[in-house]
Amino acid sequence: MKNIWKEYDRRIEESKILNMQSWALNIKTYEYLQTQKAKSGLNALSGFKKWMIFAGILFIAFLVLLIIKSLKFQNIYFIGSLSSIVIFNILAIIFYLRHIVLIHEIDNTESLVEVQEKIVKLQTSTLRITKILFLQTPFYSTFFWSRAMITGNPTAFFFIAVPVTLFFAALSIWLYRNINYHNAGKRWFRILFSSKEWTSIIKAVNFLKEIEEFKKEAV
């Protein structure tokens, strides 16, 4: 009887070990598949950002050309507005280059924890550059200002042009202060961040979240 019980206990232990090995293998396989899905989506995002950098360089070159051709004191508002827009777009290109490097690092990272950390960095950086870029909005309403407009038609300038610029300035500051994780569930946030640039990151985050859910269900 003792031998039978010993054999029974041995088989139970072996069964437990096999179940644990099978569970670990299933977790590892699912983790690998979900991570690859996240990486694949981010690689497509990297291509999109490269095109955005190319378009941004062309846009900056166009604005710089306009500035050079308008280097006169009477064009001070035009030059100042375009110069500000150029600075913001240069900053965007710097951020986008950093994003591409981050995505490349994610693609070459094997550890799930490291992948998660880098995706969080990418998500945070995307929010940061988006809120910064909104600060350039008022300058799109000031490039046509001129001394002739101010002195020739002050009523239109002070009661139309200036209020419009102040409105965009207030809006851009509000967006800068409110674009954060706490407002991610709000409708206006979802509308603003409905582009591929943001949704690709969210999909990658969700793929990794599904791993945790799978682990809980498998226990």
N, C-alpha and C. Protein backbone atom coordinates (compact mmCIF):
# COMPACT_ATOMS: atom_id res chain seq x y z
N MET A 1 0.82 -1.21 0.00
CA MET A 1 0.00 0.00 0.00
C MET A 1 0.87 1.28 0.00
N LYS A 2 1.99 1.19 0.81
CA LYS A 2 2.88 2.34 0.85
C LYS A 2 3.48 2.64 -0.53
N ASN A 3 3.86 1.59 -1.23
CA ASN A 3 4.44 1.75 -2.57
C ASN A 3 3.42 2.34 -3.54
N ILE A 4 2.16 1.90 -3.37
CA ILE A 4 1.10 2.41 -4.25
C ILE A 4 0.90 3.90 -4.00
N TRP A 5 0.88 4.28 -2.69
CA TRP A 5 0.72 5.70 -2.35
C TRP A 5 1.88 6.55 -2.84
N LYS A 6 3.09 5.99 -2.70
CA LYS A 6 4.27 6.70 -3.17
C LYS A 6 4.22 6.92 -4.67
N GLU A 7 3.79 5.86 -5.39
CA GLU A 7 3.68 5.97 -6.84
C GLU A 7 2.61 6.97 -7.23
N TYR A 8 1.52 6.97 -6.47
CA TYR A 8 0.42 7.92 -6.72
C TYR A 8 0.89 9.36 -6.51
N ASP A 9 1.62 9.58 -5.38
CA ASP A 9 2.15 10.92 -5.09
C ASP A 9 3.14 11.36 -6.14
N ARG A 10 3.96 10.40 -6.60
CA ARG A 10 4.95 10.73 -7.63
C ARG A 10 4.28 11.17 -8.91
N ARG A 11 3.23 10.46 -9.28
CA ARG A 11 2.52 10.81 -10.52
C ARG A 11 1.81 12.15 -10.39
N ILE A 12 1.29 12.44 -9.19
CA ILE A 12 0.65 13.74 -8.97
C ILE A 12 1.67 14.87 -9.12
N GLU A 13 2.85 14.67 -8.53
CA GLU A 13 3.91 15.68 -8.64
C GLU A 13 4.34 15.88 -10.08
N GLU A 14 4.47 14.74 -10.80
CA GLU A 14 4.85 14.83 -12.21
C GLU A 14 3.78 15.57 -13.00
N SER A 15 2.51 15.29 -12.68
CA SER A 15 1.39 15.96 -13.36
C SER A 15 1.41 17.46 -13.08
N LYS A 16 1.71 17.82 -11.82
CA LYS A 16 1.79 19.24 -11.46
C LYS A 16 2.91 19.93 -12.22
N ILE A 17 4.06 19.25 -12.31
CA ILE A 17 5.21 19.82 -13.02
C ILE A 17 4.89 20.02 -14.49
N LEU A 18 4.23 19.00 -15.09
CA LEU A 18 3.85 19.09 -16.50
C LEU A 18 2.85 20.21 -16.73
N ASN A 19 1.91 20.35 -15.79
CA ASN A 19 0.92 21.43 -15.92
C ASN A 19 1.59 22.80 -15.81
N MET A 20 2.53 22.90 -14.88
CA MET A 20 3.25 24.17 -14.73
C MET A 20 4.06 24.49 -15.97
N GLN A 21 4.70 23.46 -16.52
CA GLN A 21 5.50 23.67 -17.73
C GLN A 21 4.61 24.07 -18.90
N SER A 22 3.45 23.41 -19.00
CA SER A 22 2.50 23.74 -20.07
C SER A 22 1.97 25.16 -19.89
N TRP A 23 1.67 25.55 -18.65
CA TRP A 23 1.18 26.90 -18.36
C TRP A 23 2.23 27.94 -18.72
N ALA A 24 3.48 27.68 -18.32
CA ALA A 24 4.58 28.61 -18.61
C ALA A 24 4.80 28.74 -20.12
N LEU A 25 4.69 27.61 -20.83
CA LEU A 25 4.87 27.63 -22.29
C LEU A 25 3.75 28.42 -22.96
N ASN A 26 2.52 28.20 -22.50
CA ASN A 26 1.38 28.95 -23.07
C ASN A 26 1.53 30.45 -22.83
N ILE A 27 1.95 30.80 -21.61
CA ILE A 27 2.16 32.21 -21.28
C ILE A 27 3.25 32.81 -22.16
N LYS A 28 4.34 32.09 -22.30
CA LYS A 28 5.48 32.57 -23.08
C LYS A 28 5.09 32.74 -24.55
N THR A 29 4.34 31.77 -25.08
CA THR A 29 3.91 31.83 -26.48
C THR A 29 2.98 33.02 -26.71
N TYR A 30 1.99 33.17 -25.82
CA TYR A 30 1.04 34.27 -25.95
C TYR A 30 1.75 35.61 -25.80
N GLU A 31 2.68 35.67 -24.85
CA GLU A 31 3.45 36.89 -24.62
C GLU A 31 4.24 37.27 -25.86
N TYR A 32 4.85 36.26 -26.50
CA TYR A 32 5.64 36.51 -27.71
C TYR A 32 4.75 37.02 -28.85
N LEU A 33 3.59 36.38 -29.05
CA LEU A 33 2.69 36.75 -30.15
C LEU A 33 2.16 38.18 -29.95
N GLN A 34 1.74 38.50 -28.72
CA GLN A 34 1.21 39.84 -28.45
C GLN A 34 2.29 40.90 -28.60
N THR A 35 3.49 40.58 -28.14
CA THR A 35 4.60 41.54 -28.27
C THR A 35 4.94 41.79 -29.73
N GLN A 36 4.90 40.72 -30.53
CA GLN A 36 5.18 40.88 -31.96
C GLN A 36 4.11 41.72 -32.65
N LYS A 37 2.86 41.56 -32.24
CA LYS A 37 1.78 42.38 -32.79
C LYS A 37 2.01 43.85 -32.46
N ALA A 38 2.40 44.11 -31.21
CA ALA A 38 2.67 45.50 -30.78
C ALA A 38 3.83 46.08 -31.58
N LYS A 39 4.89 45.31 -31.75
CA LYS A 39 6.05 45.78 -32.50
C LYS A 39 5.71 46.04 -33.96
N SER A 40 4.90 45.16 -34.55
CA SER A 40 4.52 45.31 -35.95
C SER A 40 3.76 46.61 -36.18
N GLY A 41 2.80 46.92 -35.28
CA GLY A 41 2.04 48.16 -35.41
C GLY A 41 2.92 49.38 -35.25
N LEU A 42 3.88 49.30 -34.35
CA LEU A 42 4.78 50.45 -34.12
C LEU A 42 5.75 50.63 -35.28
N ASN A 43 6.15 49.55 -35.92
CA ASN A 43 7.02 49.67 -37.09
C ASN A 43 6.31 50.42 -38.22
N ALA A 44 5.01 50.15 -38.38
CA ALA A 44 4.23 50.89 -39.37
C ALA A 44 4.16 52.37 -38.98
N LEU A 45 4.06 52.64 -37.68
CA LEU A 45 4.04 54.01 -37.18
C LEU A 45 5.37 54.70 -37.47
N SER A 46 6.46 53.95 -37.38
CA SER A 46 7.79 54.51 -37.67
C SER A 46 7.84 55.01 -39.12
N GLY A 47 7.28 54.23 -40.05
CA GLY A 47 7.24 54.65 -41.45
C GLY A 47 6.42 55.92 -41.63
N PHE A 48 5.30 55.99 -40.91
CA PHE A 48 4.45 57.19 -40.97
C PHE A 48 5.20 58.41 -40.47
N LYS A 49 5.95 58.26 -39.38
CA LYS A 49 6.70 59.38 -38.82
C LYS A 49 7.82 59.82 -39.75
N LYS A 50 8.41 58.89 -40.48
CA LYS A 50 9.45 59.25 -41.44
C LYS A 50 8.87 60.15 -42.54
N TRP A 51 7.66 59.81 -42.99
CA TRP A 51 7.00 60.64 -44.00
C TRP A 51 6.65 62.01 -43.42
N MET A 52 6.26 62.04 -42.16
CA MET A 52 5.94 63.30 -41.51
C MET A 52 7.18 64.18 -41.37
N ILE A 53 8.31 63.56 -41.09
CA ILE A 53 9.57 64.31 -41.01
C ILE A 53 9.92 64.89 -42.37
N PHE A 54 9.76 64.09 -43.40
CA PHE A 54 10.04 64.55 -44.77
C PHE A 54 9.14 65.74 -45.13
N ALA A 55 7.84 65.60 -44.84
CA ALA A 55 6.88 66.68 -45.12
C ALA A 55 7.21 67.92 -44.28
N GLY A 56 7.63 67.69 -43.03
CA GLY A 56 7.97 68.80 -42.15
C GLY A 56 9.19 69.57 -42.66
N ILE A 57 10.17 68.85 -43.17
CA ILE A 57 11.37 69.50 -43.71
C ILE A 57 11.00 70.36 -44.92
N LEU A 58 10.14 69.83 -45.79
CA LEU A 58 9.69 70.60 -46.95
C LEU A 58 8.93 71.85 -46.51
N PHE A 59 8.06 71.69 -45.51
CA PHE A 59 7.27 72.81 -45.01
C PHE A 59 8.18 73.89 -44.41
N ILE A 60 9.17 73.46 -43.63
CA ILE A 60 10.11 74.40 -43.02
C ILE A 60 10.91 75.13 -44.10
N ALA A 61 11.36 74.39 -45.12
CA ALA A 61 12.13 75.00 -46.21
C ALA A 61 11.30 76.06 -46.94
N PHE A 62 10.00 75.75 -47.13
CA PHE A 62 9.10 76.69 -47.78
C PHE A 62 8.93 77.96 -46.95
N LEU A 63 8.75 77.79 -45.64
CA LEU A 63 8.58 78.95 -44.75
C LEU A 63 9.85 79.78 -44.68
N VAL A 64 10.99 79.12 -44.61
CA VAL A 64 12.27 79.85 -44.56
C VAL A 64 12.46 80.66 -45.84
N LEU A 65 12.09 80.09 -46.96
CA LEU A 65 12.19 80.80 -48.24
C LEU A 65 11.30 82.04 -48.23
N LEU A 66 10.09 81.91 -47.71
CA LEU A 66 9.19 83.06 -47.60
C LEU A 66 9.77 84.13 -46.68
N ILE A 67 10.38 83.70 -45.57
CA ILE A 67 10.98 84.65 -44.63
C ILE A 67 12.11 85.42 -45.29
N ILE A 68 12.97 84.69 -46.00
CA ILE A 68 14.11 85.33 -46.68
C ILE A 68 13.64 86.36 -47.70
N LYS A 69 12.59 86.01 -48.42
CA LYS A 69 12.09 86.92 -49.45
C LYS A 69 11.31 88.10 -48.86
N SER A 70 11.01 88.04 -47.58
CA SER A 70 10.19 89.10 -46.96
C SER A 70 10.96 89.88 -45.91
N LEU A 71 12.28 89.86 -45.98
CA LEU A 71 13.11 90.52 -44.97
C LEU A 71 13.07 92.04 -45.10
N LYS A 72 11.96 92.58 -44.67
CA LYS A 72 11.78 94.03 -44.62
C LYS A 72 11.07 94.37 -43.31
N PHE A 73 11.35 95.56 -42.78
CA PHE A 73 10.80 95.91 -41.49
C PHE A 73 9.27 95.93 -41.48
N GLN A 74 8.67 96.35 -42.60
CA GLN A 74 7.21 96.42 -42.65
C GLN A 74 6.56 95.03 -42.61
N ASN A 75 7.38 94.00 -42.79
CA ASN A 75 6.87 92.62 -42.74
C ASN A 75 7.18 91.95 -41.40
N ILE A 76 7.37 92.74 -40.38
CA ILE A 76 7.81 92.22 -39.09
C ILE A 76 6.85 91.19 -38.50
N TYR A 77 5.54 91.42 -38.64
CA TYR A 77 4.56 90.48 -38.11
C TYR A 77 4.60 89.16 -38.91
N PHE A 78 4.72 89.29 -40.21
CA PHE A 78 4.79 88.13 -41.09
C PHE A 78 6.03 87.29 -40.76
N ILE A 79 7.17 87.96 -40.66
CA ILE A 79 8.43 87.27 -40.38
C ILE A 79 8.41 86.64 -38.98
N GLY A 80 7.91 87.39 -38.00
CA GLY A 80 7.85 86.87 -36.64
C GLY A 80 6.95 85.66 -36.51
N SER A 81 5.79 85.70 -37.17
CA SER A 81 4.84 84.59 -37.11
C SER A 81 5.42 83.34 -37.76
N LEU A 82 5.97 83.51 -38.97
CA LEU A 82 6.52 82.36 -39.68
C LEU A 82 7.75 81.78 -38.97
N SER A 83 8.56 82.66 -38.40
CA SER A 83 9.74 82.19 -37.66
C SER A 83 9.33 81.34 -36.46
N SER A 84 8.28 81.76 -35.78
CA SER A 84 7.78 80.99 -34.64
C SER A 84 7.28 79.63 -35.08
N ILE A 85 6.56 79.60 -36.19
CA ILE A 85 6.05 78.34 -36.72
C ILE A 85 7.19 77.42 -37.11
N VAL A 86 8.24 77.99 -37.70
CA VAL A 86 9.43 77.21 -38.08
C VAL A 86 10.05 76.56 -36.85
N ILE A 87 10.18 77.31 -35.77
CA ILE A 87 10.78 76.79 -34.53
C ILE A 87 9.96 75.60 -33.99
N PHE A 88 8.65 75.75 -33.99
CA PHE A 88 7.80 74.66 -33.51
C PHE A 88 7.94 73.42 -34.38
N ASN A 89 8.03 73.60 -35.69
CA ASN A 89 8.15 72.46 -36.58
C ASN A 89 9.52 71.79 -36.51
N ILE A 90 10.55 72.56 -36.26
CA ILE A 90 11.88 71.97 -36.03
C ILE A 90 11.85 71.11 -34.76
N LEU A 91 11.18 71.63 -33.75
CA LEU A 91 11.04 70.88 -32.50
C LEU A 91 10.28 69.57 -32.74
N ALA A 92 9.24 69.64 -33.58
CA ALA A 92 8.46 68.43 -33.90
C ALA A 92 9.34 67.39 -34.59
N ILE A 93 10.18 67.81 -35.51
CA ILE A 93 11.07 66.89 -36.21
C ILE A 93 12.04 66.22 -35.24
N ILE A 94 12.56 67.00 -34.29
CA ILE A 94 13.47 66.44 -33.28
C ILE A 94 12.76 65.36 -32.46
N PHE A 95 11.53 65.65 -32.06
CA PHE A 95 10.74 64.67 -31.30
C PHE A 95 10.47 63.43 -32.14
N TYR A 96 10.10 63.62 -33.40
CA TYR A 96 9.79 62.50 -34.28
C TYR A 96 11.00 61.61 -34.51
N LEU A 97 12.17 62.22 -34.62
CA LEU A 97 13.40 61.44 -34.76
C LEU A 97 13.63 60.59 -33.50
N ARG A 98 13.37 61.19 -32.35
CA ARG A 98 13.49 60.45 -31.10
C ARG A 98 12.49 59.31 -31.05
N HIS A 99 11.28 59.52 -31.56
CA HIS A 99 10.27 58.47 -31.58
C HIS A 99 10.71 57.30 -32.45
N ILE A 100 11.30 57.61 -33.59
CA ILE A 100 11.77 56.55 -34.49
C ILE A 100 12.86 55.72 -33.82
N VAL A 101 13.76 56.40 -33.10
CA VAL A 101 14.81 55.68 -32.36
C VAL A 101 14.19 54.78 -31.29
N LEU A 102 13.18 55.29 -30.58
CA LEU A 102 12.50 54.51 -29.56
C LEU A 102 11.83 53.28 -30.15
N ILE A 103 11.16 53.45 -31.28
CA ILE A 103 10.48 52.34 -31.95
C ILE A 103 11.50 51.29 -32.39
N HIS A 104 12.65 51.75 -32.89
CA HIS A 104 13.72 50.84 -33.29
C HIS A 104 14.22 50.05 -32.08
N GLU A 105 14.34 50.72 -30.93
CA GLU A 105 14.77 50.04 -29.71
C GLU A 105 13.73 49.02 -29.25
N ILE A 106 12.45 49.37 -29.38
CA ILE A 106 11.38 48.44 -29.02
C ILE A 106 11.44 47.20 -29.89
N ASP A 107 11.67 47.40 -31.18
CA ASP A 107 11.71 46.28 -32.13
C ASP A 107 12.85 45.32 -31.83
N ASN A 108 13.92 45.82 -31.22
CA ASN A 108 15.09 44.99 -30.92
C ASN A 108 15.18 44.59 -29.45
N THR A 109 14.09 44.79 -28.72
CA THR A 109 14.05 44.44 -27.31
C THR A 109 13.29 43.14 -27.12
N GLU A 110 13.86 42.22 -26.36
CA GLU A 110 13.22 40.92 -26.12
C GLU A 110 12.39 40.92 -24.84
N SER A 111 12.84 41.66 -23.85
CA SER A 111 12.17 41.66 -22.55
C SER A 111 10.83 42.39 -22.63
N LEU A 112 9.78 41.76 -22.11
CA LEU A 112 8.45 42.37 -22.10
C LEU A 112 8.44 43.64 -21.27
N VAL A 113 9.13 43.62 -20.13
CA VAL A 113 9.18 44.79 -19.25
C VAL A 113 9.82 45.97 -19.97
N GLU A 114 10.91 45.72 -20.70
CA GLU A 114 11.58 46.79 -21.44
C GLU A 114 10.70 47.33 -22.56
N VAL A 115 9.99 46.43 -23.23
CA VAL A 115 9.06 46.86 -24.28
C VAL A 115 7.99 47.76 -23.70
N GLN A 116 7.43 47.37 -22.56
CA GLN A 116 6.40 48.18 -21.90
C GLN A 116 6.94 49.55 -21.50
N GLU A 117 8.14 49.58 -20.95
CA GLU A 117 8.74 50.85 -20.52
C GLU A 117 8.96 51.79 -21.70
N LYS A 118 9.43 51.25 -22.81
CA LYS A 118 9.71 52.09 -23.99
C LYS A 118 8.43 52.57 -24.65
N ILE A 119 7.39 51.74 -24.64
CA ILE A 119 6.11 52.17 -25.19
C ILE A 119 5.52 53.30 -24.34
N VAL A 120 5.67 53.21 -23.03
CA VAL A 120 5.20 54.29 -22.14
C VAL A 120 5.96 55.57 -22.45
N LYS A 121 7.27 55.47 -22.68
CA LYS A 121 8.07 56.64 -23.05
C LYS A 121 7.58 57.24 -24.36
N LEU A 122 7.29 56.37 -25.33
CA LEU A 122 6.79 56.83 -26.64
C LEU A 122 5.45 57.52 -26.48
N GLN A 123 4.59 56.94 -25.67
CA GLN A 123 3.26 57.51 -25.43
C GLN A 123 3.37 58.88 -24.76
N THR A 124 4.22 58.98 -23.75
CA THR A 124 4.41 60.24 -23.03
C THR A 124 5.00 61.31 -23.93
N SER A 125 5.98 60.92 -24.74
CA SER A 125 6.63 61.87 -25.64
C SER A 125 5.66 62.36 -26.72
N THR A 126 4.79 61.47 -27.18
CA THR A 126 3.79 61.86 -28.20
C THR A 126 2.83 62.89 -27.63
N LEU A 127 2.39 62.68 -26.40
CA LEU A 127 1.52 63.66 -25.75
C LEU A 127 2.23 65.00 -25.60
N ARG A 128 3.50 64.94 -25.21
CA ARG A 128 4.26 66.17 -24.95
C ARG A 128 4.41 67.01 -26.21
N ILE A 129 4.81 66.39 -27.32
CA ILE A 129 5.04 67.17 -28.55
C ILE A 129 3.71 67.66 -29.12
N THR A 130 2.64 66.89 -28.92
CA THR A 130 1.33 67.32 -29.42
C THR A 130 0.87 68.59 -28.70
N LYS A 131 1.00 68.60 -27.38
CA LYS A 131 0.56 69.77 -26.61
C LYS A 131 1.45 70.98 -26.92
N ILE A 132 2.73 70.72 -27.17
CA ILE A 132 3.64 71.83 -27.52
C ILE A 132 3.27 72.40 -28.88
N LEU A 133 2.96 71.54 -29.84
CA LEU A 133 2.64 72.01 -31.19
C LEU A 133 1.38 72.86 -31.22
N PHE A 134 0.46 72.61 -30.31
CA PHE A 134 -0.75 73.42 -30.27
C PHE A 134 -0.45 74.87 -29.91
N LEU A 135 0.69 75.11 -29.26
CA LEU A 135 1.05 76.47 -28.88
C LEU A 135 1.37 77.37 -30.07
N GLN A 136 1.61 76.76 -31.25
CA GLN A 136 1.90 77.56 -32.43
C GLN A 136 0.63 78.10 -33.10
N THR A 137 -0.53 77.59 -32.68
CA THR A 137 -1.80 77.95 -33.34
C THR A 137 -2.02 79.46 -33.48
N PRO A 138 -1.80 80.28 -32.44
CA PRO A 138 -2.06 81.73 -32.59
C PRO A 138 -1.25 82.39 -33.70
N PHE A 139 -0.06 81.87 -34.01
CA PHE A 139 0.79 82.50 -35.02
C PHE A 139 0.24 82.35 -36.44
N TYR A 140 -0.69 81.42 -36.62
CA TYR A 140 -1.35 81.29 -37.93
C TYR A 140 -2.39 82.38 -38.14
N SER A 141 -2.69 83.12 -37.07
CA SER A 141 -3.66 84.21 -37.19
C SER A 141 -3.00 85.58 -37.10
N THR A 142 -1.66 85.62 -37.08
CA THR A 142 -0.96 86.91 -36.97
C THR A 142 -0.03 87.19 -38.15
N PHE A 143 0.18 86.20 -39.02
CA PHE A 143 1.17 86.41 -40.09
C PHE A 143 0.73 87.49 -41.09
N PHE A 144 -0.58 87.78 -41.17
CA PHE A 144 -1.06 88.79 -42.12
C PHE A 144 -1.20 90.18 -41.48
N TRP A 145 -0.83 90.29 -40.21
CA TRP A 145 -0.87 91.60 -39.57
C TRP A 145 0.16 92.54 -40.22
N SER A 146 -0.16 93.81 -40.18
CA SER A 146 0.77 94.82 -40.71
C SER A 146 0.46 96.17 -40.09
N ARG A 147 1.41 97.08 -40.17
CA ARG A 147 1.19 98.43 -39.65
C ARG A 147 0.08 99.12 -40.42
N ALA A 148 0.00 98.83 -41.70
CA ALA A 148 -1.06 99.44 -42.53
C ALA A 148 -2.43 98.99 -42.05
N MET A 149 -2.56 97.73 -41.66
CA MET A 149 -3.83 97.21 -41.17
C MET A 149 -4.21 97.91 -39.86
N ILE A 150 -3.22 98.06 -38.98
CA ILE A 150 -3.49 98.65 -37.67
C ILE A 150 -3.90 100.11 -37.77
N THR A 151 -3.18 100.86 -38.59
CA THR A 151 -3.46 102.31 -38.72
C THR A 151 -4.59 102.58 -39.70
N GLY A 152 -4.71 101.75 -40.73
CA GLY A 152 -5.72 101.98 -41.76
C GLY A 152 -7.12 101.57 -41.35
N ASN A 153 -7.23 100.47 -40.58
CA ASN A 153 -8.55 99.99 -40.17
C ASN A 153 -8.46 99.45 -38.74
N PRO A 154 -8.24 100.35 -37.77
CA PRO A 154 -8.05 99.91 -36.38
C PRO A 154 -9.26 99.18 -35.78
N THR A 155 -10.45 99.56 -36.24
CA THR A 155 -11.65 98.89 -35.71
C THR A 155 -11.65 97.41 -36.04
N ALA A 156 -11.39 97.08 -37.31
CA ALA A 156 -11.34 95.68 -37.73
C ALA A 156 -10.20 94.94 -37.03
N PHE A 157 -9.09 95.66 -36.87
CA PHE A 157 -7.93 95.02 -36.25
C PHE A 157 -8.19 94.68 -34.78
N PHE A 158 -8.64 95.67 -34.01
CA PHE A 158 -8.79 95.48 -32.57
C PHE A 158 -10.06 94.71 -32.18
N PHE A 159 -11.07 94.71 -33.07
CA PHE A 159 -12.31 94.03 -32.72
C PHE A 159 -12.52 92.71 -33.46
N ILE A 160 -11.66 92.43 -34.43
CA ILE A 160 -11.76 91.15 -35.16
C ILE A 160 -10.44 90.38 -35.08
N ALA A 161 -9.37 90.97 -35.61
CA ALA A 161 -8.09 90.27 -35.68
C ALA A 161 -7.54 89.91 -34.30
N VAL A 162 -7.50 90.90 -33.41
CA VAL A 162 -6.95 90.66 -32.07
C VAL A 162 -7.78 89.65 -31.28
N PRO A 163 -9.12 89.77 -31.23
CA PRO A 163 -9.91 88.77 -30.51
C PRO A 163 -9.73 87.35 -31.05
N VAL A 164 -9.62 87.23 -32.38
CA VAL A 164 -9.41 85.90 -32.97
C VAL A 164 -8.09 85.31 -32.48
N THR A 165 -7.05 86.12 -32.48
CA THR A 165 -5.74 85.65 -32.01
C THR A 165 -5.78 85.30 -30.53
N LEU A 166 -6.46 86.13 -29.74
CA LEU A 166 -6.58 85.86 -28.30
C LEU A 166 -7.36 84.56 -28.05
N PHE A 167 -8.37 84.34 -28.89
CA PHE A 167 -9.14 83.10 -28.76
C PHE A 167 -8.26 81.88 -29.00
N PHE A 168 -7.47 81.92 -30.09
CA PHE A 168 -6.59 80.80 -30.40
C PHE A 168 -5.49 80.65 -29.36
N ALA A 169 -5.03 81.77 -28.81
CA ALA A 169 -4.01 81.71 -27.75
C ALA A 169 -4.57 81.03 -26.50
N ALA A 170 -5.79 81.42 -26.13
CA ALA A 170 -6.43 80.83 -24.95
C ALA A 170 -6.70 79.34 -25.18
N LEU A 171 -7.15 79.00 -26.40
CA LEU A 171 -7.43 77.61 -26.73
C LEU A 171 -6.15 76.76 -26.68
N SER A 172 -5.08 77.28 -27.25
CA SER A 172 -3.82 76.53 -27.28
C SER A 172 -3.26 76.32 -25.88
N ILE A 173 -3.39 77.33 -25.02
CA ILE A 173 -2.93 77.21 -23.64
C ILE A 173 -3.78 76.19 -22.88
N TRP A 174 -5.09 76.23 -23.12
CA TRP A 174 -6.00 75.28 -22.48
C TRP A 174 -5.64 73.85 -22.89
N LEU A 175 -5.40 73.65 -24.18
CA LEU A 175 -5.03 72.31 -24.67
C LEU A 175 -3.70 71.87 -24.10
N TYR A 176 -2.76 72.80 -24.01
CA TYR A 176 -1.45 72.47 -23.45
C TYR A 176 -1.58 71.98 -22.01
N ARG A 177 -2.46 72.60 -21.27
CA ARG A 177 -2.61 72.25 -19.86
C ARG A 177 -3.47 71.00 -19.66
N ASN A 178 -4.34 70.69 -20.61
CA ASN A 178 -5.31 69.59 -20.42
C ASN A 178 -5.02 68.33 -21.21
N ILE A 179 -4.06 68.38 -22.11
CA ILE A 179 -3.69 67.15 -22.83
C ILE A 179 -2.81 66.32 -21.90
N ASN A 180 -3.41 65.32 -21.26
CA ASN A 180 -2.71 64.43 -20.36
C ASN A 180 -3.50 63.13 -20.20
N TYR A 181 -2.92 62.18 -19.49
CA TYR A 181 -3.55 60.86 -19.32
C TYR A 181 -4.89 60.95 -18.60
N HIS A 182 -5.04 61.92 -17.71
CA HIS A 182 -6.27 62.02 -16.92
C HIS A 182 -7.49 62.30 -17.80
N ASN A 183 -7.28 62.96 -18.95
CA ASN A 183 -8.39 63.31 -19.83
C ASN A 183 -8.52 62.39 -21.04
N ALA A 184 -7.77 61.28 -21.02
CA ALA A 184 -7.75 60.37 -22.18
C ALA A 184 -9.12 59.78 -22.51
N GLY A 185 -9.99 59.69 -21.52
CA GLY A 185 -11.31 59.11 -21.76
C GLY A 185 -12.36 60.11 -22.22
N LYS A 186 -12.01 61.38 -22.26
CA LYS A 186 -12.98 62.40 -22.63
C LYS A 186 -13.14 62.48 -24.15
N ARG A 187 -14.32 62.91 -24.56
CA ARG A 187 -14.66 62.90 -25.99
C ARG A 187 -13.74 63.79 -26.81
N TRP A 188 -13.47 65.00 -26.34
CA TRP A 188 -12.62 65.94 -27.09
C TRP A 188 -11.21 65.37 -27.26
N PHE A 189 -10.74 64.65 -26.24
CA PHE A 189 -9.41 64.04 -26.32
C PHE A 189 -9.41 62.94 -27.38
N ARG A 190 -10.45 62.11 -27.39
CA ARG A 190 -10.52 61.02 -28.37
C ARG A 190 -10.62 61.56 -29.79
N ILE A 191 -11.30 62.70 -29.96
CA ILE A 191 -11.40 63.30 -31.29
C ILE A 191 -10.04 63.82 -31.74
N LEU A 192 -9.34 64.52 -30.85
CA LEU A 192 -8.02 65.07 -31.18
C LEU A 192 -7.01 63.97 -31.47
N PHE A 193 -7.12 62.87 -30.73
CA PHE A 193 -6.14 61.79 -30.84
C PHE A 193 -6.75 60.57 -31.55
N SER A 194 -7.39 60.83 -32.66
CA SER A 194 -7.98 59.74 -33.45
C SER A 194 -7.12 59.37 -34.65
N SER A 195 -5.96 60.01 -34.78
CA SER A 195 -5.09 59.75 -35.92
C SER A 195 -4.29 58.47 -35.71
N LYS A 196 -3.67 58.00 -36.78
CA LYS A 196 -2.86 56.77 -36.73
C LYS A 196 -1.72 56.90 -35.75
N GLU A 197 -1.19 58.10 -35.62
CA GLU A 197 -0.03 58.33 -34.75
C GLU A 197 -0.32 57.91 -33.31
N TRP A 198 -1.51 58.20 -32.81
CA TRP A 198 -1.86 57.88 -31.44
C TRP A 198 -2.50 56.50 -31.33
N THR A 199 -3.39 56.16 -32.27
CA THR A 199 -4.10 54.88 -32.18
C THR A 199 -3.14 53.69 -32.30
N SER A 200 -2.05 53.84 -33.05
CA SER A 200 -1.06 52.76 -33.17
C SER A 200 -0.41 52.48 -31.82
N ILE A 201 -0.15 53.54 -31.07
CA ILE A 201 0.45 53.37 -29.74
C ILE A 201 -0.55 52.72 -28.79
N ILE A 202 -1.80 53.16 -28.85
CA ILE A 202 -2.83 52.61 -27.97
C ILE A 202 -3.04 51.12 -28.27
N LYS A 203 -3.03 50.75 -29.53
CA LYS A 203 -3.17 49.34 -29.89
C LYS A 203 -2.02 48.52 -29.32
N ALA A 204 -0.81 49.07 -29.40
CA ALA A 204 0.36 48.38 -28.86
C ALA A 204 0.21 48.21 -27.34
N VAL A 205 -0.25 49.26 -26.67
CA VAL A 205 -0.46 49.19 -25.22
C VAL A 205 -1.51 48.13 -24.89
N ASN A 206 -2.58 48.08 -25.66
CA ASN A 206 -3.66 47.12 -25.42
C ASN A 206 -3.19 45.68 -25.65
N PHE A 207 -2.35 45.47 -26.65
CA PHE A 207 -1.80 44.14 -26.90
C PHE A 207 -1.04 43.64 -25.67
N LEU A 208 -0.27 44.53 -25.06
CA LEU A 208 0.50 44.15 -23.88
C LEU A 208 -0.39 43.98 -22.66
N LYS A 209 -1.46 44.77 -22.56
CA LYS A 209 -2.39 44.61 -21.45
C LYS A 209 -3.09 43.25 -21.51
N GLU A 210 -3.35 42.80 -22.74
CA GLU A 210 -4.01 41.50 -22.91
C GLU A 210 -3.16 40.36 -22.36
N ILE A 211 -1.84 40.56 -22.33
CA ILE A 211 -0.95 39.54 -21.76
C ILE A 211 -1.25 39.37 -20.28
N GLU A 212 -1.40 40.49 -19.57
CA GLU A 212 -1.70 40.43 -18.14
C GLU A 212 -3.05 39.78 -17.88
N GLU A 213 -4.03 40.09 -18.73
CA GLU A 213 -5.35 39.50 -18.59
C GLU A 213 -5.29 37.99 -18.84
N PHE A 214 -4.49 37.60 -19.83
CA PHE A 214 -4.33 36.17 -20.15
C PHE A 214 -3.69 35.42 -18.98
N LYS A 215 -2.70 36.06 -18.33
CA LYS A 215 -2.02 35.45 -17.19
C LYS A 215 -3.01 35.23 -16.04
N LYS A 216 -3.88 36.23 -15.81
CA LYS A 216 -4.86 36.12 -14.72
C LYS A 216 -5.84 34.97 -14.98
N GLU A 217 -6.28 34.88 -16.24
CA GLU A 217 -7.25 33.84 -16.59
C GLU A 217 -6.63 32.45 -16.56
N ALA A 218 -5.32 32.41 -16.83
CA ALA A 218 -4.64 31.11 -16.90
C ALA A 218 -4.28 30.56 -15.53
N VAL A 219 -4.30 31.43 -14.52
CA VAL A 219 -3.94 30.96 -13.16
C VAL A 219 -5.02 30.04 -12.61
